[in-house]
């Protein structure tokens, strides 16, 4: 279902988190659940993946992740501020130690000069630690942007792990 590079990254992420005893959760907009799908494609993922939130609409971001409507209004859904709020909200609404959140413009439409097609923000949040977002601009069509986002999100999860065991 997923390219080998994504499957391998998902397996490595799960192995590292599992050895450390960490749980993770995803909060996804432009990927529509593909990150959680890549992780849960791997046997044994239930030991590490707590849950995934697909919050495609702004209402879903507000209801499921407690992203303030005022933040969405001020910055738009595709922004580093909303990505961070999604990651922090996923922590609050789960048992996860680390979360990853993605929001972006996958295309082919919906882009603007300020937020072109391929613009994605990926945020991670660590329980008891910090939350950070990083901006990406991925080339290609909708599928390419979404798969590149999944790969980058898995890479971000691998560097966002807590320094010491939380359990």
N, C-alpha and C. Protein backbone atom coordinates (compact mmCIF):
# COMPACT_ATOMS: atom_id res chain seq x y z
N UNK A 1 0.82 -1.19 0.00
CA UNK A 1 0.00 0.00 0.00
C UNK A 1 0.87 1.26 0.00
N UNK A 2 1.91 1.31 0.83
CA UNK A 2 2.81 2.46 0.90
C UNK A 2 4.15 2.09 0.27
N UNK A 3 4.89 3.08 -0.24
CA UNK A 3 6.23 2.80 -0.76
C UNK A 3 7.13 2.23 0.34
N UNK A 4 8.13 1.49 -0.07
CA UNK A 4 9.06 0.86 0.89
C UNK A 4 9.71 1.88 1.82
N UNK A 5 10.04 3.07 1.32
CA UNK A 5 10.70 4.07 2.18
C UNK A 5 9.80 4.45 3.36
N UNK A 6 8.51 4.60 3.10
CA UNK A 6 7.57 4.95 4.16
C UNK A 6 7.35 3.76 5.09
N UNK A 7 7.20 2.58 4.53
CA UNK A 7 7.03 1.38 5.37
C UNK A 7 8.23 1.18 6.28
N UNK A 8 9.42 1.35 5.73
CA UNK A 8 10.64 1.19 6.53
C UNK A 8 10.73 2.24 7.64
N UNK A 9 10.41 3.49 7.32
CA UNK A 9 10.43 4.55 8.34
C UNK A 9 9.40 4.28 9.43
N UNK A 10 8.22 3.83 9.02
CA UNK A 10 7.17 3.52 10.00
C UNK A 10 7.64 2.39 10.92
N UNK A 11 8.23 1.36 10.35
CA UNK A 11 8.71 0.23 11.15
C UNK A 11 9.82 0.66 12.11
N UNK A 12 10.74 1.51 11.63
CA UNK A 12 11.82 1.99 12.49
C UNK A 12 11.28 2.85 13.63
N UNK A 13 10.33 3.72 13.30
CA UNK A 13 9.72 4.58 14.32
C UNK A 13 9.03 3.74 15.38
N UNK A 14 8.25 2.78 14.96
CA UNK A 14 7.54 1.91 15.91
C UNK A 14 8.52 1.13 16.78
N UNK A 15 9.59 0.63 16.18
CA UNK A 15 10.58 -0.14 16.94
C UNK A 15 11.24 0.74 17.99
N UNK A 16 11.63 1.95 17.62
CA UNK A 16 12.30 2.86 18.56
C UNK A 16 11.36 3.28 19.68
N UNK A 17 10.14 3.64 19.34
CA UNK A 17 9.16 4.04 20.35
C UNK A 17 8.81 2.86 21.25
N UNK A 18 8.66 1.69 20.66
CA UNK A 18 8.32 0.50 21.44
C UNK A 18 9.40 0.14 22.44
N UNK A 19 10.65 0.20 22.04
CA UNK A 19 11.76 -0.10 22.94
C UNK A 19 11.81 0.88 24.12
N UNK A 20 11.46 2.11 23.85
CA UNK A 20 11.49 3.14 24.89
C UNK A 20 10.21 3.18 25.72
N UNK A 21 9.19 2.47 25.28
CA UNK A 21 7.92 2.46 26.01
C UNK A 21 7.06 3.68 25.77
N UNK A 22 7.23 4.35 24.62
CA UNK A 22 6.46 5.55 24.29
C UNK A 22 5.21 5.21 23.51
N UNK A 23 4.18 6.01 23.71
CA UNK A 23 2.98 5.97 22.89
C UNK A 23 2.97 7.21 22.00
N UNK A 24 2.39 7.08 20.81
CA UNK A 24 2.27 8.23 19.93
C UNK A 24 0.86 8.34 19.39
N UNK A 25 0.53 9.54 18.94
CA UNK A 25 -0.76 9.82 18.31
C UNK A 25 -0.52 10.77 17.14
N UNK A 26 -1.43 10.71 16.18
CA UNK A 26 -1.36 11.58 15.02
C UNK A 26 -2.57 12.49 14.97
N UNK A 27 -2.37 13.68 14.42
CA UNK A 27 -3.46 14.63 14.16
C UNK A 27 -3.27 15.08 12.72
N UNK A 28 -4.18 14.68 11.85
CA UNK A 28 -3.96 14.87 10.43
C UNK A 28 -5.07 15.65 9.76
N UNK A 29 -4.65 16.56 8.90
CA UNK A 29 -5.60 17.26 8.05
C UNK A 29 -5.33 16.86 6.61
N UNK A 30 -4.32 17.42 5.96
CA UNK A 30 -4.10 17.19 4.53
C UNK A 30 -3.78 15.74 4.17
N UNK A 31 -3.34 14.95 5.11
CA UNK A 31 -3.03 13.55 4.82
C UNK A 31 -4.21 12.62 5.09
N UNK A 32 -5.25 13.12 5.72
CA UNK A 32 -6.48 12.35 5.90
C UNK A 32 -6.32 10.99 6.55
N UNK A 33 -5.34 10.83 7.43
CA UNK A 33 -5.16 9.56 8.13
C UNK A 33 -4.05 8.67 7.57
N UNK A 34 -3.34 9.15 6.57
CA UNK A 34 -2.29 8.32 5.96
C UNK A 34 -1.12 8.03 6.90
N UNK A 35 -0.80 8.97 7.79
CA UNK A 35 0.30 8.73 8.74
C UNK A 35 -0.08 7.60 9.67
N UNK A 36 -1.27 7.68 10.25
CA UNK A 36 -1.75 6.60 11.11
C UNK A 36 -1.84 5.31 10.32
N UNK A 37 -2.27 5.41 9.06
CA UNK A 37 -2.36 4.22 8.21
C UNK A 37 -1.01 3.58 7.97
N UNK A 38 0.02 4.40 7.73
CA UNK A 38 1.36 3.86 7.51
C UNK A 38 1.89 3.17 8.76
N UNK A 39 1.62 3.78 9.90
CA UNK A 39 2.08 3.17 11.16
C UNK A 39 1.33 1.88 11.47
N UNK A 40 0.03 1.90 11.30
CA UNK A 40 -0.77 0.73 11.67
C UNK A 40 -0.73 -0.38 10.62
N UNK A 41 -0.10 -0.12 9.49
CA UNK A 41 0.13 -1.18 8.51
C UNK A 41 1.16 -2.18 9.05
N UNK A 42 1.97 -1.75 10.01
CA UNK A 42 3.02 -2.59 10.58
C UNK A 42 2.44 -3.42 11.72
N UNK A 43 2.67 -4.73 11.66
CA UNK A 43 2.20 -5.63 12.72
C UNK A 43 2.80 -5.22 14.05
N UNK A 44 2.00 -5.24 15.10
CA UNK A 44 2.46 -4.88 16.44
C UNK A 44 2.35 -3.40 16.75
N UNK A 45 1.84 -2.62 15.81
CA UNK A 45 1.76 -1.16 16.01
C UNK A 45 0.84 -0.78 17.16
N UNK A 46 -0.06 -1.65 17.56
CA UNK A 46 -0.99 -1.32 18.65
C UNK A 46 -0.27 -1.13 19.99
N UNK A 47 0.97 -1.58 20.09
CA UNK A 47 1.74 -1.36 21.31
C UNK A 47 2.27 0.07 21.41
N UNK A 48 2.26 0.79 20.30
CA UNK A 48 2.85 2.13 20.24
C UNK A 48 1.84 3.20 19.84
N UNK A 49 0.96 2.90 18.90
CA UNK A 49 0.01 3.89 18.39
C UNK A 49 -1.21 3.93 19.31
N UNK A 50 -1.40 5.06 19.97
CA UNK A 50 -2.55 5.23 20.85
C UNK A 50 -3.80 5.53 20.04
N UNK A 51 -3.71 6.52 19.15
CA UNK A 51 -4.86 6.91 18.33
C UNK A 51 -4.43 7.89 17.26
N UNK A 52 -5.34 8.08 16.30
CA UNK A 52 -5.15 9.06 15.25
C UNK A 52 -6.40 9.91 15.10
N UNK A 53 -6.19 11.19 14.90
CA UNK A 53 -7.29 12.13 14.68
C UNK A 53 -7.23 12.60 13.23
N UNK A 54 -8.32 12.45 12.51
CA UNK A 54 -8.42 13.04 11.18
C UNK A 54 -9.33 14.25 11.33
N UNK A 55 -8.73 15.42 11.24
CA UNK A 55 -9.46 16.67 11.46
C UNK A 55 -9.34 17.52 10.21
N UNK A 56 -10.06 17.10 9.20
CA UNK A 56 -9.97 17.75 7.89
C UNK A 56 -10.61 19.13 7.90
N UNK A 57 -11.69 19.27 8.62
CA UNK A 57 -12.38 20.57 8.66
C UNK A 57 -11.93 21.38 9.87
N UNK A 58 -12.16 22.67 9.81
CA UNK A 58 -11.84 23.52 10.95
C UNK A 58 -12.69 23.16 12.16
N UNK A 59 -13.95 22.81 11.93
CA UNK A 59 -14.83 22.40 13.04
C UNK A 59 -14.26 21.17 13.73
N UNK A 60 -13.77 20.22 12.96
CA UNK A 60 -13.18 19.02 13.55
C UNK A 60 -11.94 19.37 14.37
N UNK A 61 -11.13 20.29 13.86
CA UNK A 61 -9.93 20.71 14.62
C UNK A 61 -10.35 21.30 15.97
N UNK A 62 -11.41 22.09 15.95
CA UNK A 62 -11.89 22.72 17.18
C UNK A 62 -12.54 21.70 18.12
N UNK A 63 -13.41 20.86 17.58
CA UNK A 63 -14.12 19.90 18.42
C UNK A 63 -13.24 18.77 18.94
N UNK A 64 -12.38 18.22 18.10
CA UNK A 64 -11.61 17.04 18.49
C UNK A 64 -10.27 17.37 19.15
N UNK A 65 -9.67 18.49 18.75
CA UNK A 65 -8.33 18.82 19.23
C UNK A 65 -8.27 20.11 20.04
N UNK A 66 -9.42 20.73 20.21
CA UNK A 66 -9.52 21.98 20.97
C UNK A 66 -8.68 23.11 20.40
N UNK A 67 -8.50 23.11 19.08
CA UNK A 67 -7.83 24.23 18.43
C UNK A 67 -8.79 25.43 18.53
N UNK A 68 -8.35 26.52 19.11
CA UNK A 68 -9.25 27.68 19.24
C UNK A 68 -9.70 28.21 17.88
N UNK A 69 -10.99 28.45 17.76
CA UNK A 69 -11.54 29.02 16.52
C UNK A 69 -10.87 30.35 16.21
N UNK A 70 -10.53 31.11 17.24
CA UNK A 70 -9.87 32.40 17.03
C UNK A 70 -8.50 32.23 16.38
N UNK A 71 -7.81 31.16 16.70
CA UNK A 71 -6.50 30.88 16.10
C UNK A 71 -6.67 30.54 14.62
N UNK A 72 -7.67 29.72 14.32
CA UNK A 72 -7.97 29.38 12.93
C UNK A 72 -8.33 30.63 12.14
N UNK A 73 -9.12 31.49 12.73
CA UNK A 73 -9.53 32.72 12.06
C UNK A 73 -8.34 33.65 11.84
N UNK A 74 -7.48 33.76 12.82
CA UNK A 74 -6.35 34.69 12.74
C UNK A 74 -5.26 34.23 11.76
N UNK A 75 -4.99 32.92 11.74
CA UNK A 75 -3.85 32.41 10.97
C UNK A 75 -4.22 31.51 9.80
N UNK A 76 -5.44 30.99 9.80
CA UNK A 76 -5.83 30.01 8.79
C UNK A 76 -5.41 28.62 9.20
N UNK A 77 -6.08 27.62 8.65
CA UNK A 77 -5.79 26.24 9.02
C UNK A 77 -4.38 25.82 8.63
N UNK A 78 -3.88 26.37 7.53
CA UNK A 78 -2.54 26.03 7.06
C UNK A 78 -1.57 27.07 7.62
N UNK A 79 -1.10 26.79 8.82
CA UNK A 79 -0.19 27.71 9.50
C UNK A 79 0.60 26.96 10.57
N UNK A 80 1.76 27.46 10.92
CA UNK A 80 2.52 26.80 11.99
C UNK A 80 1.78 26.86 13.33
N UNK A 81 1.06 27.95 13.56
CA UNK A 81 0.34 28.09 14.83
C UNK A 81 -0.74 27.02 14.98
N UNK A 82 -1.46 26.75 13.90
CA UNK A 82 -2.50 25.72 13.96
C UNK A 82 -1.88 24.33 14.03
N UNK A 83 -0.78 24.10 13.33
CA UNK A 83 -0.11 22.80 13.41
C UNK A 83 0.31 22.51 14.85
N UNK A 84 0.88 23.49 15.52
CA UNK A 84 1.29 23.32 16.92
C UNK A 84 0.07 23.08 17.80
N UNK A 85 -0.99 23.85 17.59
CA UNK A 85 -2.21 23.68 18.40
C UNK A 85 -2.80 22.29 18.19
N UNK A 86 -2.72 21.77 16.97
CA UNK A 86 -3.21 20.42 16.70
C UNK A 86 -2.38 19.39 17.46
N UNK A 87 -1.06 19.54 17.43
CA UNK A 87 -0.18 18.59 18.12
C UNK A 87 -0.40 18.63 19.63
N UNK A 88 -0.53 19.83 20.18
CA UNK A 88 -0.78 19.99 21.61
C UNK A 88 -2.16 19.43 21.97
N UNK A 89 -3.14 19.70 21.12
CA UNK A 89 -4.48 19.16 21.35
C UNK A 89 -4.51 17.65 21.31
N UNK A 90 -3.75 17.06 20.41
CA UNK A 90 -3.68 15.60 20.35
C UNK A 90 -3.07 15.02 21.63
N UNK A 91 -2.09 15.72 22.20
CA UNK A 91 -1.54 15.29 23.49
C UNK A 91 -2.61 15.33 24.57
N UNK A 92 -3.36 16.43 24.60
CA UNK A 92 -4.39 16.60 25.63
C UNK A 92 -5.51 15.58 25.51
N UNK A 93 -5.79 15.15 24.30
CA UNK A 93 -6.92 14.26 24.06
C UNK A 93 -6.50 12.79 23.89
N UNK A 94 -5.29 12.46 24.29
CA UNK A 94 -4.80 11.09 24.14
C UNK A 94 -3.90 10.71 25.32
N UNK A 95 -3.43 9.49 25.28
CA UNK A 95 -2.47 9.00 26.27
C UNK A 95 -1.04 9.06 25.72
N UNK A 96 -0.88 9.65 24.55
CA UNK A 96 0.42 9.65 23.86
C UNK A 96 1.47 10.46 24.60
N UNK A 97 2.70 10.05 24.41
CA UNK A 97 3.86 10.78 24.92
C UNK A 97 4.35 11.79 23.89
N UNK A 98 4.13 11.46 22.63
CA UNK A 98 4.56 12.32 21.52
C UNK A 98 3.45 12.31 20.47
N UNK A 99 3.21 13.48 19.88
CA UNK A 99 2.23 13.57 18.79
C UNK A 99 2.87 14.25 17.59
N UNK A 100 2.29 13.95 16.44
CA UNK A 100 2.66 14.66 15.22
C UNK A 100 1.37 15.14 14.58
N UNK A 101 1.41 16.38 14.08
CA UNK A 101 0.25 16.98 13.43
C UNK A 101 0.67 17.56 12.09
N UNK A 102 -0.23 17.44 11.12
CA UNK A 102 0.04 17.98 9.79
C UNK A 102 -1.16 18.76 9.27
N UNK A 103 -0.85 19.87 8.63
CA UNK A 103 -1.87 20.67 7.96
C UNK A 103 -1.22 21.31 6.75
N UNK A 104 -1.93 21.32 5.63
CA UNK A 104 -1.31 21.87 4.43
C UNK A 104 -2.26 21.93 3.26
N UNK A 105 -1.69 22.31 2.12
CA UNK A 105 -2.43 22.40 0.86
C UNK A 105 -1.90 21.31 -0.06
N UNK A 106 -2.65 20.23 -0.19
CA UNK A 106 -2.21 19.10 -1.01
C UNK A 106 -2.49 19.31 -2.49
N UNK A 107 -3.46 20.16 -2.82
CA UNK A 107 -3.76 20.46 -4.22
C UNK A 107 -4.76 19.49 -4.81
N UNK A 108 -5.08 19.60 -6.05
CA UNK A 108 -4.46 20.54 -6.99
C UNK A 108 -4.92 21.98 -6.81
N UNK A 109 -6.08 22.21 -6.20
CA UNK A 109 -6.55 23.56 -5.97
C UNK A 109 -6.29 23.97 -4.54
N UNK A 110 -6.78 25.16 -4.19
CA UNK A 110 -6.71 25.63 -2.82
C UNK A 110 -5.48 26.43 -2.46
N UNK A 111 -4.52 26.49 -3.36
CA UNK A 111 -3.30 27.23 -3.07
C UNK A 111 -3.47 28.72 -3.32
N UNK A 112 -2.53 29.48 -2.80
CA UNK A 112 -2.50 30.94 -3.00
C UNK A 112 -1.03 31.34 -3.07
N UNK A 113 -0.79 32.61 -3.33
CA UNK A 113 0.59 33.09 -3.37
C UNK A 113 1.25 32.92 -2.00
N UNK A 114 0.48 33.16 -0.95
CA UNK A 114 1.02 33.05 0.41
C UNK A 114 1.15 31.59 0.86
N UNK A 115 0.20 30.76 0.43
CA UNK A 115 0.19 29.34 0.81
C UNK A 115 -0.02 28.50 -0.45
N UNK A 116 1.08 28.26 -1.18
CA UNK A 116 0.97 27.55 -2.45
C UNK A 116 0.67 26.06 -2.25
N UNK A 117 0.20 25.43 -3.32
CA UNK A 117 0.02 23.99 -3.30
C UNK A 117 1.37 23.36 -2.93
N UNK A 118 1.33 22.42 -2.03
CA UNK A 118 2.54 21.76 -1.55
C UNK A 118 3.04 22.30 -0.22
N UNK A 119 2.49 23.45 0.23
CA UNK A 119 2.89 24.02 1.53
C UNK A 119 2.27 23.19 2.64
N UNK A 120 3.10 22.72 3.54
CA UNK A 120 2.67 21.88 4.65
C UNK A 120 3.40 22.30 5.91
N UNK A 121 2.69 22.27 7.03
CA UNK A 121 3.31 22.48 8.34
C UNK A 121 3.18 21.19 9.12
N UNK A 122 4.30 20.74 9.66
CA UNK A 122 4.33 19.53 10.47
C UNK A 122 4.81 19.93 11.86
N UNK A 123 4.01 19.59 12.85
CA UNK A 123 4.36 19.92 14.24
C UNK A 123 4.44 18.64 15.06
N UNK A 124 5.33 18.67 16.02
CA UNK A 124 5.42 17.60 17.01
C UNK A 124 5.27 18.22 18.39
N UNK A 125 4.72 17.44 19.30
CA UNK A 125 4.60 17.88 20.69
C UNK A 125 5.00 16.71 21.57
N UNK A 126 5.75 17.01 22.62
CA UNK A 126 6.22 16.01 23.57
C UNK A 126 5.60 16.32 24.92
N UNK A 127 4.99 15.31 25.52
CA UNK A 127 4.39 15.50 26.84
C UNK A 127 5.47 15.94 27.83
N UNK A 128 5.22 17.04 28.51
CA UNK A 128 6.20 17.58 29.45
C UNK A 128 7.34 18.31 28.76
N UNK A 129 7.24 18.46 27.46
CA UNK A 129 8.30 19.13 26.70
C UNK A 129 7.72 20.22 25.83
N UNK A 130 8.33 20.40 24.68
CA UNK A 130 7.90 21.50 23.82
C UNK A 130 7.14 21.00 22.59
N UNK A 131 6.58 21.95 21.87
CA UNK A 131 5.90 21.69 20.61
C UNK A 131 6.49 22.62 19.57
N UNK A 132 6.78 22.07 18.40
CA UNK A 132 7.43 22.85 17.35
C UNK A 132 6.83 22.48 16.00
N UNK A 133 6.78 23.47 15.14
CA UNK A 133 6.32 23.26 13.77
C UNK A 133 7.45 23.57 12.79
N UNK A 134 7.42 22.88 11.68
CA UNK A 134 8.38 23.12 10.62
C UNK A 134 7.61 23.26 9.31
N UNK A 135 8.03 24.21 8.49
CA UNK A 135 7.39 24.45 7.19
C UNK A 135 8.08 23.66 6.10
N UNK A 136 7.26 23.10 5.21
CA UNK A 136 7.75 22.37 4.04
C UNK A 136 6.99 22.87 2.82
N UNK A 137 7.61 22.77 1.66
CA UNK A 137 6.92 22.96 0.40
C UNK A 137 7.32 21.79 -0.49
N UNK A 138 6.38 20.87 -0.69
CA UNK A 138 6.64 19.66 -1.45
C UNK A 138 6.18 19.83 -2.89
N UNK A 139 6.98 19.35 -3.85
CA UNK A 139 6.59 19.42 -5.25
C UNK A 139 5.68 18.25 -5.63
N UNK A 140 5.02 18.42 -6.76
CA UNK A 140 4.26 17.31 -7.32
C UNK A 140 2.76 17.45 -7.18
N UNK A 141 2.09 16.38 -7.57
CA UNK A 141 0.63 16.36 -7.53
C UNK A 141 0.16 16.01 -6.11
N UNK A 142 -1.15 15.91 -5.97
CA UNK A 142 -1.75 15.67 -4.66
C UNK A 142 -1.16 14.42 -3.98
N UNK A 143 -1.06 13.34 -4.71
CA UNK A 143 -0.52 12.11 -4.13
C UNK A 143 0.92 12.29 -3.68
N UNK A 144 1.72 12.96 -4.50
CA UNK A 144 3.13 13.18 -4.15
C UNK A 144 3.25 14.05 -2.90
N UNK A 145 2.45 15.09 -2.81
CA UNK A 145 2.49 15.97 -1.64
C UNK A 145 2.08 15.20 -0.39
N UNK A 146 1.02 14.43 -0.49
CA UNK A 146 0.55 13.68 0.69
C UNK A 146 1.57 12.62 1.13
N UNK A 147 2.16 11.90 0.18
CA UNK A 147 3.15 10.89 0.56
C UNK A 147 4.42 11.53 1.11
N UNK A 148 4.84 12.65 0.53
CA UNK A 148 6.01 13.37 1.07
C UNK A 148 5.74 13.85 2.48
N UNK A 149 4.49 14.26 2.74
CA UNK A 149 4.12 14.71 4.08
C UNK A 149 4.18 13.55 5.07
N UNK A 150 3.69 12.39 4.67
CA UNK A 150 3.76 11.21 5.55
C UNK A 150 5.21 10.89 5.88
N UNK A 151 6.06 10.88 4.87
CA UNK A 151 7.47 10.57 5.11
C UNK A 151 8.11 11.59 6.04
N UNK A 152 7.88 12.86 5.79
CA UNK A 152 8.47 13.90 6.64
C UNK A 152 7.92 13.83 8.06
N UNK A 153 6.65 13.51 8.21
CA UNK A 153 6.06 13.39 9.55
C UNK A 153 6.69 12.24 10.32
N UNK A 154 6.93 11.13 9.66
CA UNK A 154 7.59 10.00 10.32
C UNK A 154 9.02 10.37 10.72
N UNK A 155 9.69 11.10 9.85
CA UNK A 155 11.05 11.56 10.18
C UNK A 155 11.02 12.50 11.38
N UNK A 156 10.02 13.40 11.44
CA UNK A 156 9.90 14.32 12.58
C UNK A 156 9.63 13.55 13.86
N UNK A 157 8.81 12.50 13.79
CA UNK A 157 8.56 11.68 14.99
C UNK A 157 9.85 11.06 15.51
N UNK A 158 10.73 10.68 14.62
CA UNK A 158 11.97 10.02 15.04
C UNK A 158 12.90 10.97 15.78
N UNK A 159 12.82 12.27 15.50
CA UNK A 159 13.69 13.24 16.20
C UNK A 159 12.99 13.89 17.37
N UNK A 160 11.68 13.67 17.51
CA UNK A 160 10.91 14.35 18.57
C UNK A 160 10.80 13.54 19.85
N UNK A 161 11.42 12.39 19.90
CA UNK A 161 11.29 11.55 21.08
C UNK A 161 11.80 12.23 22.33
N UNK A 162 11.17 11.95 23.47
CA UNK A 162 11.68 12.49 24.74
C UNK A 162 13.10 12.01 24.99
N UNK A 163 13.84 12.78 25.76
CA UNK A 163 15.23 12.44 26.06
C UNK A 163 15.32 11.19 26.93
N UNK A 164 14.38 11.00 27.84
CA UNK A 164 14.39 9.83 28.70
C UNK A 164 13.00 9.22 28.74
N UNK A 165 12.95 8.01 29.22
CA UNK A 165 11.69 7.29 29.24
C UNK A 165 10.65 7.99 30.11
N UNK A 166 9.42 8.02 29.61
CA UNK A 166 8.33 8.64 30.35
C UNK A 166 7.57 7.61 31.16
N UNK A 167 7.80 6.37 30.95
CA UNK A 167 7.02 5.31 31.61
C UNK A 167 7.84 4.59 32.66
